Amino acid sequence: MKNYFVYILASKKDGVLYIGVTGDLIRRVWEHKNNIIEGFTKKYFVHRLVYFESTTDVESAINRETQLKRWKRDWKIKLFEKDNPNWEDLYPKII
């Protein structure tokens, strides 16, 4: 059974946020960190994984990503600060 991930990256504490969805969280975050992907995260140095959640249903993951992108910034911050109040990079914990 395959897992799909919705994730939030930040440039720094109280910095720029990015929300994405992927079927391979480790690879995708590595791509962001190494500026492999052209676009927003490369332009704004958004490389810190501050939150993620998983599901086995790709449609649920895509719907959740869409939902989170529509949320107000403070709602997003409250979502991940309850478990990650210091905006620590979670990437080392998942590799």
C-alpha atoms as a PDB file:
ATOM      1  CA  MET A   1       0.000   0.000   0.000  1.00  0.00           C
ATOM      2  CA  LYS A   2       1.433   3.377  -1.054  1.00  0.00           C
ATOM      3  CA  ASN A   3       1.525   6.422   1.194  1.00  0.00           C
ATOM      4  CA  TYR A   4       0.954   9.979   0.015  1.00  0.00           C
ATOM      5  CA  PHE A   5       2.086  13.014   1.944  1.00  0.00           C
ATOM      6  CA  VAL A   6       0.904  16.567   2.336  1.00  0.00           C
ATOM      7  CA  TYR A   7       3.718  18.706   3.649  1.00  0.00           C
ATOM      8  CA  ILE A   8       4.552  22.245   4.693  1.00  0.00           C
ATOM      9  CA  LEU A   9       7.971  23.784   4.142  1.00  0.00           C
ATOM     10  CA  ALA A  10       9.184  27.063   5.625  1.00  0.00           C
ATOM     11  CA  SER A  11      12.072  29.347   4.742  1.00  0.00           C
ATOM     12  CA  LYS A  12      12.752  30.033   8.446  1.00  0.00           C
ATOM     13  CA  LYS A  13      10.767  30.631  11.636  1.00  0.00           C
ATOM     14  CA  ASP A  14       7.993  33.088  10.790  1.00  0.00           C
ATOM     15  CA  GLY A  15       9.112  32.950   7.150  1.00  0.00           C
ATOM     16  CA  VAL A  16       7.585  31.979   3.836  1.00  0.00           C
ATOM     17  CA  LEU A  17       5.431  28.820   3.737  1.00  0.00           C
ATOM     18  CA  TYR A  18       4.940  26.302   0.930  1.00  0.00           C
ATOM     19  CA  ILE A  19       2.434  23.436   0.818  1.00  0.00           C
ATOM     20  CA  GLY A  20       2.882  20.412  -1.424  1.00  0.00           C
ATOM     21  CA  VAL A  21       1.818  16.821  -1.974  1.00  0.00           C
ATOM     22  CA  THR A  22       3.993  13.849  -2.940  1.00  0.00           C
ATOM     23  CA  GLY A  23       4.205  10.090  -2.987  1.00  0.00           C
ATOM     24  CA  ASP A  24       7.843  10.157  -1.807  1.00  0.00           C
ATOM     25  CA  LEU A  25       8.390  12.659   0.997  1.00  0.00           C
ATOM     26  CA  ILE A  26      12.108  12.026   1.518  1.00  0.00           C
ATOM     27  CA  ARG A  27      12.945  12.421  -2.172  1.00  0.00           C
ATOM     28  CA  ARG A  28      10.727  15.459  -2.649  1.00  0.00           C
ATOM     29  CA  VAL A  29      12.072  17.370   0.349  1.00  0.00           C
ATOM     30  CA  TRP A  30      15.619  16.501  -0.734  1.00  0.00           C
ATOM     31  CA  GLU A  31      14.806  17.983  -4.157  1.00  0.00           C
ATOM     32  CA  HIS A  32      13.563  21.188  -2.520  1.00  0.00           C
ATOM     33  CA  LYS A  33      16.604  21.398  -0.231  1.00  0.00           C
ATOM     34  CA  ASN A  34      18.983  20.955  -3.149  1.00  0.00           C
ATOM     35  CA  ASN A  35      17.143  23.387  -5.436  1.00  0.00           C
ATOM     36  CA  ILE A  36      16.445  20.666  -8.003  1.00  0.00           C
ATOM     37  CA  ILE A  37      12.941  22.011  -8.554  1.00  0.00           C
ATOM     38  CA  GLU A  38      12.657  25.342 -10.371  1.00  0.00           C
ATOM     39  CA  GLY A  39      10.061  27.665  -8.935  1.00  0.00           C
ATOM     40  CA  PHE A  40       8.770  29.019  -5.657  1.00  0.00           C
ATOM     41  CA  THR A  41      10.821  27.028  -3.131  1.00  0.00           C
ATOM     42  CA  LYS A  42      14.063  27.675  -4.993  1.00  0.00           C
ATOM     43  CA  LYS A  43      13.343  31.376  -5.484  1.00  0.00           C
ATOM     44  CA  TYR A  44      12.411  31.986  -1.828  1.00  0.00           C
ATOM     45  CA  PHE A  45      14.787  29.439  -0.170  1.00  0.00           C
ATOM     46  CA  VAL A  46      11.922  27.412   1.325  1.00  0.00           C
ATOM     47  CA  HIS A  47      13.713  24.268   2.474  1.00  0.00           C
ATOM     48  CA  ARG A  48      12.684  23.487   6.063  1.00  0.00           C
ATOM     49  CA  LEU A  49      10.141  20.668   6.517  1.00  0.00           C
ATOM     50  CA  VAL A  50       7.962  21.838   9.412  1.00  0.00           C
ATOM     51  CA  TYR A  51       4.914  19.588   8.999  1.00  0.00           C
ATOM     52  CA  PHE A  52       3.612  16.563   7.156  1.00  0.00           C
ATOM     53  CA  GLU A  53       0.728  14.150   7.263  1.00  0.00           C
ATOM     54  CA  SER A  54       0.149  10.942   5.344  1.00  0.00           C
ATOM     55  CA  THR A  55      -2.680   8.957   3.809  1.00  0.00           C
ATOM     56  CA  THR A  56      -2.988   5.932   1.565  1.00  0.00           C
ATOM     57  CA  ASP A  57      -5.530   7.678  -0.667  1.00  0.00           C
ATOM     58  CA  VAL A  58      -4.070   9.968  -3.328  1.00  0.00           C
ATOM     59  CA  GLU A  59      -7.349  11.859  -3.783  1.00  0.00           C
ATOM     60  CA  SER A  60      -7.500  12.575  -0.039  1.00  0.00           C
ATOM     61  CA  ALA A  61      -3.943  13.895  -0.152  1.00  0.00           C
ATOM     62  CA  ILE A  62      -4.700  16.201  -3.078  1.00  0.00           C
ATOM     63  CA  ASN A  63      -7.914  17.411  -1.425  1.00  0.00           C
ATOM     64  CA  ARG A  64      -6.085  18.081   1.838  1.00  0.00           C
ATOM     65  CA  GLU A  65      -3.359  20.030   0.017  1.00  0.00           C
ATOM     66  CA  THR A  66      -6.042  22.141  -1.663  1.00  0.00           C
ATOM     67  CA  GLN A  67      -7.784  22.683   1.667  1.00  0.00           C
ATOM     68  CA  LEU A  68      -4.596  23.782   3.439  1.00  0.00           C
ATOM     69  CA  LYS A  69      -3.662  26.146   0.615  1.00  0.00           C
ATOM     70  CA  ARG A  70      -6.994  27.915   1.139  1.00  0.00           C
ATOM     71  CA  TRP A  71      -6.453  28.306   4.886  1.00  0.00           C
ATOM     72  CA  LYS A  72      -5.361  31.579   6.420  1.00  0.00           C
ATOM     73  CA  ARG A  73      -1.681  31.737   7.316  1.00  0.00           C
ATOM     74  CA  ASP A  74      -2.315  31.755  11.078  1.00  0.00           C
ATOM     75  CA  TRP A  75      -4.426  28.580  10.774  1.00  0.00           C
ATOM     76  CA  LYS A  76      -1.542  26.825   9.021  1.00  0.00           C
ATOM     77  CA  ILE A  77       0.909  27.974  11.660  1.00  0.00           C
ATOM     78  CA  LYS A  78      -1.355  26.790  14.488  1.00  0.00           C
ATOM     79  CA  LEU A  79      -1.660  23.402  12.761  1.00  0.00           C
ATOM     80  CA  PHE A  80       2.050  22.647  12.854  1.00  0.00           C
ATOM     81  CA  GLU A  81       3.140  24.700  15.880  1.00  0.00           C
ATOM     82  CA  LYS A  82       1.171  22.441  18.232  1.00  0.00           C
ATOM     83  CA  ASP A  83       3.742  19.687  17.484  1.00  0.00           C
ATOM     84  CA  ASN A  84       6.600  21.826  16.154  1.00  0.00           C
ATOM     85  CA  PRO A  85       6.542  25.157  18.033  1.00  0.00           C
ATOM     86  CA  ASN A  86      10.095  26.106  17.060  1.00  0.00           C
ATOM     87  CA  TRP A  87       9.642  25.374  13.350  1.00  0.00           C
ATOM     88  CA  GLU A  88      12.387  22.748  13.517  1.00  0.00           C
ATOM     89  CA  ASP A  89      13.387  20.986  10.317  1.00  0.00           C
ATOM     90  CA  LEU A  90      11.805  17.519  10.510  1.00  0.00           C
ATOM     91  CA  TYR A  91      13.755  16.177   7.545  1.00  0.00           C
ATOM     92  CA  PRO A  92      16.623  14.703   9.615  1.00  0.00           C
ATOM     93  CA  LYS A  93      14.050  12.780  11.663  1.00  0.00           C
ATOM     94  CA  ILE A  94      12.489  11.089   8.624  1.00  0.00           C
ATOM     95  CA  ILE A  95      15.598  10.071   6.697  1.00  0.00           C
END
